[in-house]
PDB file of all heavy atoms in Angstrom:
ATOM      1  N   ARG A   1     -13.632  25.745 -10.828  1.00  0.00           N
ATOM      2  CA  ARG A   1     -13.669  24.853 -11.994  1.00  0.00           C
ATOM      3  C   ARG A   1     -12.561  25.302 -12.938  1.00  0.00           C
ATOM      4  O   ARG A   1     -12.385  26.497 -13.165  1.00  0.00           O
ATOM      5  CB  ARG A   1     -15.041  24.952 -12.654  1.00  0.00           C
ATOM      6  CG  ARG A   1     -15.264  23.923 -13.720  1.00  0.00           C
ATOM      7  CD  ARG A   1     -16.525  23.130 -13.419  1.00  0.00           C
ATOM      8  NE  ARG A   1     -16.721  22.096 -14.425  1.00  0.00           N
ATOM      9  CZ  ARG A   1     -16.638  20.821 -14.178  1.00  0.00           C
ATOM     10  NH1 ARG A   1     -16.394  20.410 -12.956  1.00  0.00           N
ATOM     11  NH2 ARG A   1     -16.819  19.930 -15.120  1.00  0.00           N
ATOM     12  N   VAL A   2     -11.810  24.347 -13.475  1.00  0.00           N
ATOM     13  CA  VAL A   2     -10.733  24.657 -14.408  1.00  0.00           C
ATOM     14  C   VAL A   2     -10.947  23.919 -15.723  1.00  0.00           C
ATOM     15  O   VAL A   2     -11.562  22.859 -15.755  1.00  0.00           O
ATOM     16  CB  VAL A   2      -9.336  24.298 -13.838  1.00  0.00           C
ATOM     17  CG1 VAL A   2      -9.005  25.142 -12.625  1.00  0.00           C
ATOM     18  CG2 VAL A   2      -9.236  22.828 -13.496  1.00  0.00           C
ATOM     19  N   SER A   3     -10.446  24.500 -16.799  1.00  0.00           N
ATOM     20  CA  SER A   3     -10.445  23.857 -18.110  1.00  0.00           C
ATOM     21  C   SER A   3      -9.001  23.669 -18.527  1.00  0.00           C
ATOM     22  O   SER A   3      -8.183  24.594 -18.393  1.00  0.00           O
ATOM     23  CB  SER A   3     -11.174  24.723 -19.132  1.00  0.00           C
ATOM     24  OG  SER A   3     -12.530  24.809 -18.812  1.00  0.00           O
ATOM     25  N   VAL A   4      -8.685  22.487 -19.027  1.00  0.00           N
ATOM     26  CA  VAL A   4      -7.313  22.134 -19.370  1.00  0.00           C
ATOM     27  C   VAL A   4      -7.299  21.502 -20.754  1.00  0.00           C
ATOM     28  O   VAL A   4      -8.166  20.703 -21.087  1.00  0.00           O
ATOM     29  CB  VAL A   4      -6.736  21.127 -18.336  1.00  0.00           C
ATOM     30  CG1 VAL A   4      -5.320  20.725 -18.688  1.00  0.00           C
ATOM     31  CG2 VAL A   4      -6.796  21.692 -16.930  1.00  0.00           C
ATOM     32  N   LEU A   5      -6.309  21.873 -21.536  1.00  0.00           N
ATOM     33  CA  LEU A   5      -6.036  21.217 -22.804  1.00  0.00           C
ATOM     34  C   LEU A   5      -4.629  20.681 -22.664  1.00  0.00           C
ATOM     35  O   LEU A   5      -3.672  21.458 -22.555  1.00  0.00           O
ATOM     36  CB  LEU A   5      -6.126  22.221 -23.958  1.00  0.00           C
ATOM     37  CG  LEU A   5      -6.036  21.661 -25.358  1.00  0.00           C
ATOM     38  CD1 LEU A   5      -7.237  20.770 -25.669  1.00  0.00           C
ATOM     39  CD2 LEU A   5      -5.938  22.781 -26.376  1.00  0.00           C
ATOM     40  N   GLY A   6      -4.480  19.342 -22.587  1.00  0.00           N
ATOM     41  CA  GLY A   6      -3.165  18.812 -22.311  1.00  0.00           C
ATOM     42  C   GLY A   6      -3.056  17.321 -22.528  1.00  0.00           C
ATOM     43  O   GLY A   6      -3.982  16.667 -23.010  1.00  0.00           O
ATOM     44  N   CYS A   7      -1.901  16.809 -22.142  1.00  0.00           N
ATOM     45  CA  CYS A   7      -1.591  15.395 -22.334  1.00  0.00           C
ATOM     46  C   CYS A   7      -1.687  14.659 -21.009  1.00  0.00           C
ATOM     47  O   CYS A   7      -1.289  15.169 -19.967  1.00  0.00           O
ATOM     48  CB  CYS A   7      -0.194  15.250 -22.924  1.00  0.00           C
ATOM     49  SG  CYS A   7      -0.109  15.937 -24.587  1.00  0.00           S
ATOM     50  N   VAL A   8      -2.216  13.453 -21.086  1.00  0.00           N
ATOM     51  CA  VAL A   8      -2.412  12.606 -19.910  1.00  0.00           C
ATOM     52  C   VAL A   8      -1.229  11.655 -19.794  1.00  0.00           C
ATOM     53  O   VAL A   8      -0.731  11.143 -20.793  1.00  0.00           O
ATOM     54  CB  VAL A   8      -3.732  11.813 -20.047  1.00  0.00           C
ATOM     55  CG1 VAL A   8      -3.920  10.856 -18.891  1.00  0.00           C
ATOM     56  CG2 VAL A   8      -4.906  12.768 -20.151  1.00  0.00           C
ATOM     57  N   SER A   9      -0.803  11.424 -18.572  1.00  0.00           N
ATOM     58  CA  SER A   9       0.289  10.479 -18.327  1.00  0.00           C
ATOM     59  C   SER A   9       0.040   9.760 -17.006  1.00  0.00           C
ATOM     60  O   SER A   9      -0.668  10.265 -16.142  1.00  0.00           O
ATOM     61  CB  SER A   9       1.633  11.209 -18.285  1.00  0.00           C
ATOM     62  OG  SER A   9       1.639  12.163 -17.246  1.00  0.00           O
ATOM     63  N   PRO A  10       0.643   8.575 -16.870  1.00  0.00           N
ATOM     64  CA  PRO A  10       0.532   7.899 -15.575  1.00  0.00           C
ATOM     65  C   PRO A  10       1.299   8.700 -14.528  1.00  0.00           C
ATOM     66  O   PRO A  10       2.316   9.327 -14.834  1.00  0.00           O
ATOM     67  CB  PRO A  10       1.201   6.541 -15.801  1.00  0.00           C
ATOM     68  CG  PRO A  10       1.583   6.471 -17.233  1.00  0.00           C
ATOM     69  CD  PRO A  10       1.394   7.818 -17.838  1.00  0.00           C
ATOM     70  N   GLY A  11       0.810   8.670 -13.307  1.00  0.00           N
ATOM     71  CA  GLY A  11       1.510   9.354 -12.233  1.00  0.00           C
ATOM     72  C   GLY A  11       2.693   8.537 -11.742  1.00  0.00           C
ATOM     73  O   GLY A  11       2.935   7.412 -12.185  1.00  0.00           O
ATOM     74  N   VAL A  12       3.434   9.134 -10.832  1.00  0.00           N
ATOM     75  CA  VAL A  12       4.589   8.452 -10.242  1.00  0.00           C
ATOM     76  C   VAL A  12       4.135   7.241  -9.434  1.00  0.00           C
ATOM     77  O   VAL A  12       4.753   6.189  -9.484  1.00  0.00           O
ATOM     78  CB  VAL A  12       5.398   9.431  -9.351  1.00  0.00           C
ATOM     79  CG1 VAL A  12       6.532   8.723  -8.645  1.00  0.00           C
ATOM     80  CG2 VAL A  12       5.925  10.588 -10.179  1.00  0.00           C
ATOM     81  N   GLU A  13       3.026   7.392  -8.722  1.00  0.00           N
ATOM     82  CA  GLU A  13       2.475   6.290  -7.926  1.00  0.00           C
ATOM     83  C   GLU A  13       1.530   5.460  -8.791  1.00  0.00           C
ATOM     84  O   GLU A  13       0.823   5.994  -9.649  1.00  0.00           O
ATOM     85  CB  GLU A  13       1.715   6.838  -6.715  1.00  0.00           C
ATOM     86  CG  GLU A  13       2.556   7.669  -5.762  1.00  0.00           C
ATOM     87  CD  GLU A  13       3.619   6.873  -5.041  1.00  0.00           C
ATOM     88  OE1 GLU A  13       3.458   5.648  -4.885  1.00  0.00           O
ATOM     89  OE2 GLU A  13       4.610   7.476  -4.609  1.00  0.00           O
ATOM     90  N   ALA A  14       1.500   4.163  -8.563  1.00  0.00           N
ATOM     91  CA  ALA A  14       0.633   3.259  -9.326  1.00  0.00           C
ATOM     92  C   ALA A  14      -0.833   3.670  -9.172  1.00  0.00           C
ATOM     93  O   ALA A  14      -1.275   3.998  -8.077  1.00  0.00           O
ATOM     94  CB  ALA A  14       0.821   1.826  -8.848  1.00  0.00           C
ATOM     95  N   GLY A  15      -1.554   3.674 -10.276  1.00  0.00           N
ATOM     96  CA  GLY A  15      -2.974   4.005 -10.251  1.00  0.00           C
ATOM     97  C   GLY A  15      -3.278   5.483 -10.364  1.00  0.00           C
ATOM     98  O   GLY A  15      -4.438   5.868 -10.444  1.00  0.00           O
ATOM     99  N   CYS A  16      -2.263   6.320 -10.375  1.00  0.00           N
ATOM    100  CA  CYS A  16      -2.479   7.762 -10.473  1.00  0.00           C
ATOM    101  C   CYS A  16      -2.457   8.193 -11.929  1.00  0.00           C
ATOM    102  O   CYS A  16      -1.716   7.646 -12.739  1.00  0.00           O
ATOM    103  CB  CYS A  16      -1.412   8.523  -9.696  1.00  0.00           C
ATOM    104  SG  CYS A  16      -1.483   8.198  -7.926  1.00  0.00           S
ATOM    105  N   LEU A  17      -3.273   9.184 -12.256  1.00  0.00           N
ATOM    106  CA  LEU A  17      -3.361   9.697 -13.614  1.00  0.00           C
ATOM    107  C   LEU A  17      -3.241  11.217 -13.545  1.00  0.00           C
ATOM    108  O   LEU A  17      -3.924  11.867 -12.754  1.00  0.00           O
ATOM    109  CB  LEU A  17      -4.699   9.283 -14.228  1.00  0.00           C
ATOM    110  CG  LEU A  17      -4.828   9.308 -15.723  1.00  0.00           C
ATOM    111  CD1 LEU A  17      -3.765   8.433 -16.406  1.00  0.00           C
ATOM    112  CD2 LEU A  17      -6.210   8.838 -16.144  1.00  0.00           C
ATOM    113  N   ILE A  18      -2.382  11.770 -14.398  1.00  0.00           N
ATOM    114  CA  ILE A  18      -2.053  13.187 -14.370  1.00  0.00           C
ATOM    115  C   ILE A  18      -2.319  13.791 -15.743  1.00  0.00           C
ATOM    116  O   ILE A  18      -2.060  13.151 -16.758  1.00  0.00           O
ATOM    117  CB  ILE A  18      -0.548  13.389 -14.020  1.00  0.00           C
ATOM    118  CG1 ILE A  18      -0.158  12.619 -12.751  1.00  0.00           C
ATOM    119  CG2 ILE A  18      -0.187  14.866 -13.916  1.00  0.00           C
ATOM    120  CD1 ILE A  18      -0.910  13.008 -11.509  1.00  0.00           C
ATOM    121  N   ILE A  19      -2.817  15.036 -15.778  1.00  0.00           N
ATOM    122  CA  ILE A  19      -2.876  15.785 -17.027  1.00  0.00           C
ATOM    123  C   ILE A  19      -2.039  17.038 -16.839  1.00  0.00           C
ATOM    124  O   ILE A  19      -2.075  17.674 -15.781  1.00  0.00           O
ATOM    125  CB  ILE A  19      -4.321  16.141 -17.448  1.00  0.00           C
ATOM    126  CG1 ILE A  19      -4.324  16.751 -18.856  1.00  0.00           C
ATOM    127  CG2 ILE A  19      -4.992  17.061 -16.452  1.00  0.00           C
ATOM    128  CD1 ILE A  19      -5.690  16.851 -19.492  1.00  0.00           C
ATOM    129  N   THR A  20      -1.232  17.361 -17.847  1.00  0.00           N
ATOM    130  CA  THR A  20      -0.388  18.545 -17.810  1.00  0.00           C
ATOM    131  C   THR A  20      -0.911  19.539 -18.835  1.00  0.00           C
ATOM    132  O   THR A  20      -1.008  19.224 -20.025  1.00  0.00           O
ATOM    133  CB  THR A  20       1.076  18.186 -18.110  1.00  0.00           C
ATOM    134  OG1 THR A  20       1.495  17.191 -17.167  1.00  0.00           O
ATOM    135  CG2 THR A  20       1.975  19.398 -17.987  1.00  0.00           C
ATOM    136  N   ASP A  21      -1.254  20.734 -18.369  1.00  0.00           N
ATOM    137  CA  ASP A  21      -1.795  21.786 -19.228  1.00  0.00           C
ATOM    138  C   ASP A  21      -0.740  22.213 -20.249  1.00  0.00           C
ATOM    139  O   ASP A  21       0.392  22.538 -19.877  1.00  0.00           O
ATOM    140  CB  ASP A  21      -2.222  22.970 -18.368  1.00  0.00           C
ATOM    141  CG  ASP A  21      -2.989  24.016 -19.135  1.00  0.00           C
ATOM    142  OD1 ASP A  21      -2.505  24.460 -20.197  1.00  0.00           O
ATOM    143  OD2 ASP A  21      -4.066  24.413 -18.683  1.00  0.00           O
ATOM    144  N   ASN A  22      -1.101  22.210 -21.538  1.00  0.00           N
ATOM    145  CA  ASN A  22      -0.165  22.587 -22.600  1.00  0.00           C
ATOM    146  C   ASN A  22       0.250  24.048 -22.526  1.00  0.00           C
ATOM    147  O   ASN A  22       1.336  24.402 -22.992  1.00  0.00           O
ATOM    148  CB  ASN A  22      -0.777  22.307 -23.978  1.00  0.00           C
ATOM    149  CG  ASN A  22      -0.760  20.848 -24.335  1.00  0.00           C
ATOM    150  OD1 ASN A  22      -0.135  20.026 -23.659  1.00  0.00           O
ATOM    151  ND2 ASN A  22      -1.470  20.495 -25.389  1.00  0.00           N
ATOM    152  N   VAL A  23      -0.578  24.919 -21.955  1.00  0.00           N
ATOM    153  CA  VAL A  23      -0.268  26.344 -21.906  1.00  0.00           C
ATOM    154  C   VAL A  23       0.568  26.690 -20.671  1.00  0.00           C
ATOM    155  O   VAL A  23       1.647  27.262 -20.786  1.00  0.00           O
ATOM    156  CB  VAL A  23      -1.564  27.188 -21.933  1.00  0.00           C
ATOM    157  CG1 VAL A  23      -1.261  28.668 -21.781  1.00  0.00           C
ATOM    158  CG2 VAL A  23      -2.331  26.933 -23.215  1.00  0.00           C
ATOM    159  N   SER A  24       0.060  26.323 -19.498  1.00  0.00           N
ATOM    160  CA  SER A  24       0.726  26.733 -18.251  1.00  0.00           C
ATOM    161  C   SER A  24       1.779  25.744 -17.770  1.00  0.00           C
ATOM    162  O   SER A  24       2.633  26.095 -16.972  1.00  0.00           O
ATOM    163  CB  SER A  24      -0.313  26.910 -17.141  1.00  0.00           C
ATOM    164  OG  SER A  24      -0.865  25.656 -16.771  1.00  0.00           O
ATOM    165  N   GLY A  25       1.705  24.490 -18.223  1.00  0.00           N
ATOM    166  CA  GLY A  25       2.612  23.458 -17.735  1.00  0.00           C
ATOM    167  C   GLY A  25       2.210  22.899 -16.384  1.00  0.00           C
ATOM    168  O   GLY A  25       2.884  22.035 -15.835  1.00  0.00           O
ATOM    169  N   LYS A  26       1.090  23.368 -15.845  1.00  0.00           N
ATOM    170  CA  LYS A  26       0.629  22.920 -14.534  1.00  0.00           C
ATOM    171  C   LYS A  26       0.033  21.522 -14.638  1.00  0.00           C
ATOM    172  O   LYS A  26      -0.682  21.201 -15.575  1.00  0.00           O
ATOM    173  CB  LYS A  26      -0.413  23.892 -13.992  1.00  0.00           C
ATOM    174  CG  LYS A  26      -0.797  23.613 -12.563  1.00  0.00           C
ATOM    175  CD  LYS A  26      -1.592  24.752 -11.979  1.00  0.00           C
ATOM    176  CE  LYS A  26      -1.836  24.468 -10.506  1.00  0.00           C
ATOM    177  NZ  LYS A  26      -2.419  25.602  -9.826  1.00  0.00           N
ATOM    178  N   ALA A  27       0.330  20.675 -13.637  1.00  0.00           N
ATOM    179  CA  ALA A  27      -0.174  19.302 -13.601  1.00  0.00           C
ATOM    180  C   ALA A  27      -1.361  19.220 -12.649  1.00  0.00           C
ATOM    181  O   ALA A  27      -1.379  19.871 -11.598  1.00  0.00           O
ATOM    182  CB  ALA A  27       0.925  18.358 -13.150  1.00  0.00           C
ATOM    183  N   TYR A  28      -2.348  18.410 -13.024  1.00  0.00           N
ATOM    184  CA  TYR A  28      -3.522  18.150 -12.201  1.00  0.00           C
ATOM    185  C   TYR A  28      -3.693  16.645 -12.072  1.00  0.00           C
ATOM    186  O   TYR A  28      -3.456  15.906 -13.021  1.00  0.00           O
ATOM    187  CB  TYR A  28      -4.794  18.732 -12.840  1.00  0.00           C
ATOM    188  CG  TYR A  28      -4.781  20.229 -12.955  1.00  0.00           C
ATOM    189  CD1 TYR A  28      -4.292  20.844 -14.100  1.00  0.00           C
ATOM    190  CD2 TYR A  28      -5.260  21.033 -11.924  1.00  0.00           C
ATOM    191  CE1 TYR A  28      -4.279  22.221 -14.221  1.00  0.00           C
ATOM    192  CE2 TYR A  28      -5.254  22.407 -12.032  1.00  0.00           C
ATOM    193  CZ  TYR A  28      -4.763  22.999 -13.183  1.00  0.00           C
ATOM    194  OH  TYR A  28      -4.748  24.368 -13.297  1.00  0.00           O
ATOM    195  N   GLN A  29      -4.150  16.199 -10.921  1.00  0.00           N
ATOM    196  CA  GLN A  29      -4.375  14.783 -10.664  1.00  0.00           C
ATOM    197  C   GLN A  29      -5.819  14.460 -11.042  1.00  0.00           C
ATOM    198  O   GLN A  29      -6.754  15.069 -10.529  1.00  0.00           O
ATOM    199  CB  GLN A  29      -4.085  14.497  -9.199  1.00  0.00           C
ATOM    200  CG  GLN A  29      -3.917  13.046  -8.871  1.00  0.00           C
ATOM    201  CD  GLN A  29      -5.153  12.479  -8.225  1.00  0.00           C
ATOM    202  OE1 GLN A  29      -5.697  13.028  -7.302  1.00  0.00           O
ATOM    203  NE2 GLN A  29      -5.601  11.366  -8.723  1.00  0.00           N
ATOM    204  N   ILE A  30      -6.009  13.524 -12.012  1.00  0.00           N
ATOM    205  CA  ILE A  30      -7.342  13.240 -12.552  1.00  0.00           C
ATOM    206  C   ILE A  30      -7.740  11.774 -12.376  1.00  0.00           C
ATOM    207  O   ILE A  30      -8.509  11.237 -13.169  1.00  0.00           O
ATOM    208  CB  ILE A  30      -7.442  13.662 -14.029  1.00  0.00           C
ATOM    209  CG1 ILE A  30      -6.422  12.909 -14.891  1.00  0.00           C
ATOM    210  CG2 ILE A  30      -7.285  15.160 -14.173  1.00  0.00           C
ATOM    211  CD1 ILE A  30      -6.670  13.033 -16.382  1.00  0.00           C
ATOM    212  N   SER A  31      -7.259  11.137 -11.360  1.00  0.00           N
ATOM    213  CA  SER A  31      -7.530   9.711 -11.145  1.00  0.00           C
ATOM    214  C   SER A  31      -9.007   9.407 -10.927  1.00  0.00           C
ATOM    215  O   SER A  31      -9.434   8.268 -11.090  1.00  0.00           O
ATOM    216  CB  SER A  31      -6.715   9.192  -9.963  1.00  0.00           C
ATOM    217  OG  SER A  31      -5.341   9.352 -10.224  1.00  0.00           O
ATOM    218  N   SER A  32      -9.815  10.416 -10.576  1.00  0.00           N
ATOM    219  CA  SER A  32     -11.239  10.168 -10.335  1.00  0.00           C
ATOM    220  C   SER A  32     -12.065  10.203 -11.621  1.00  0.00           C
ATOM    221  O   SER A  32     -13.279   9.995 -11.576  1.00  0.00           O
ATOM    222  CB  SER A  32     -11.792  11.184  -9.337  1.00  0.00           C
ATOM    223  OG  SER A  32     -11.826  12.473  -9.914  1.00  0.00           O
ATOM    224  N   ALA A  33     -11.446  10.448 -12.767  1.00  0.00           N
ATOM    225  CA  ALA A  33     -12.190  10.494 -14.039  1.00  0.00           C
ATOM    226  C   ALA A  33     -12.801   9.130 -14.353  1.00  0.00           C
ATOM    227  O   ALA A  33     -12.155   8.103 -14.193  1.00  0.00           O
ATOM    228  CB  ALA A  33     -11.255  10.909 -15.175  1.00  0.00           C
ATOM    229  N   VAL A  34     -14.067   9.145 -14.790  1.00  0.00           N
ATOM    230  CA  VAL A  34     -14.761   7.909 -15.177  1.00  0.00           C
ATOM    231  C   VAL A  34     -15.504   8.186 -16.473  1.00  0.00           C
ATOM    232  O   VAL A  34     -16.384   9.038 -16.490  1.00  0.00           O
ATOM    233  CB  VAL A  34     -15.755   7.460 -14.096  1.00  0.00           C
ATOM    234  CG1 VAL A  34     -16.515   6.220 -14.542  1.00  0.00           C
ATOM    235  CG2 VAL A  34     -15.056   7.202 -12.775  1.00  0.00           C
ATOM    236  N   PRO A  35     -15.152   7.527 -17.557  1.00  0.00           N
ATOM    237  CA  PRO A  35     -14.015   6.623 -17.706  1.00  0.00           C
ATOM    238  C   PRO A  35     -12.716   7.425 -17.716  1.00  0.00           C
ATOM    239  O   PRO A  35     -12.735   8.645 -17.847  1.00  0.00           O
ATOM    240  CB  PRO A  35     -14.269   5.963 -19.067  1.00  0.00           C
ATOM    241  CG  PRO A  35     -15.040   6.984 -19.832  1.00  0.00           C
ATOM    242  CD  PRO A  35     -15.894   7.694 -18.813  1.00  0.00           C
ATOM    243  N   LYS A  36     -11.608   6.738 -17.601  1.00  0.00           N
ATOM    244  CA  LYS A  36     -10.305   7.397 -17.571  1.00  0.00           C
ATOM    245  C   LYS A  36      -9.750   7.545 -18.994  1.00  0.00           C
ATOM    246  O   LYS A  36      -9.851   6.623 -19.785  1.00  0.00           O
ATOM    247  CB  LYS A  36      -9.324   6.582 -16.735  1.00  0.00           C
ATOM    248  CG  LYS A  36      -9.717   6.499 -15.279  1.00  0.00           C
ATOM    249  CD  LYS A  36      -8.704   5.717 -14.486  1.00  0.00           C
ATOM    250  CE  LYS A  36      -9.083   5.511 -13.049  1.00  0.00           C
ATOM    251  NZ  LYS A  36      -9.855   6.485 -12.385  1.00  0.00           N
ATOM    252  N   PRO A  37      -9.145   8.708 -19.305  1.00  0.00           N
ATOM    253  CA  PRO A  37      -8.463   8.827 -20.591  1.00  0.00           C
ATOM    254  C   PRO A  37      -7.266   7.883 -20.634  1.00  0.00           C
ATOM    255  O   PRO A  37      -6.634   7.630 -19.608  1.00  0.00           O
ATOM    256  CB  PRO A  37      -8.013  10.286 -20.647  1.00  0.00           C
ATOM    257  CG  PRO A  37      -8.437  10.929 -19.383  1.00  0.00           C
ATOM    258  CD  PRO A  37      -9.109   9.922 -18.520  1.00  0.00           C
ATOM    259  N   ASP A  38      -6.946   7.371 -21.809  1.00  0.00           N
ATOM    260  CA  ASP A  38      -5.862   6.409 -21.976  1.00  0.00           C
ATOM    261  C   ASP A  38      -4.582   7.112 -22.428  1.00  0.00           C
ATOM    262  O   ASP A  38      -4.507   7.584 -23.563  1.00  0.00           O
ATOM    263  CB  ASP A  38      -6.274   5.360 -23.012  1.00  0.00           C
ATOM    264  CG  ASP A  38      -5.237   4.281 -23.205  1.00  0.00           C
ATOM    265  OD1 ASP A  38      -4.186   4.302 -22.528  1.00  0.00           O
ATOM    266  OD2 ASP A  38      -5.475   3.396 -24.051  1.00  0.00           O
TER     267      ASP A  38
END
């Protein structure tokens, strides 16, 4: 389990959602979030 504080952005592929950790800069794919952050 990971905890992230970061900004959400659309992924390169349509329908993908990414969050980038403000501390580490690591990106995670969060497309399964319900509801999805905007």
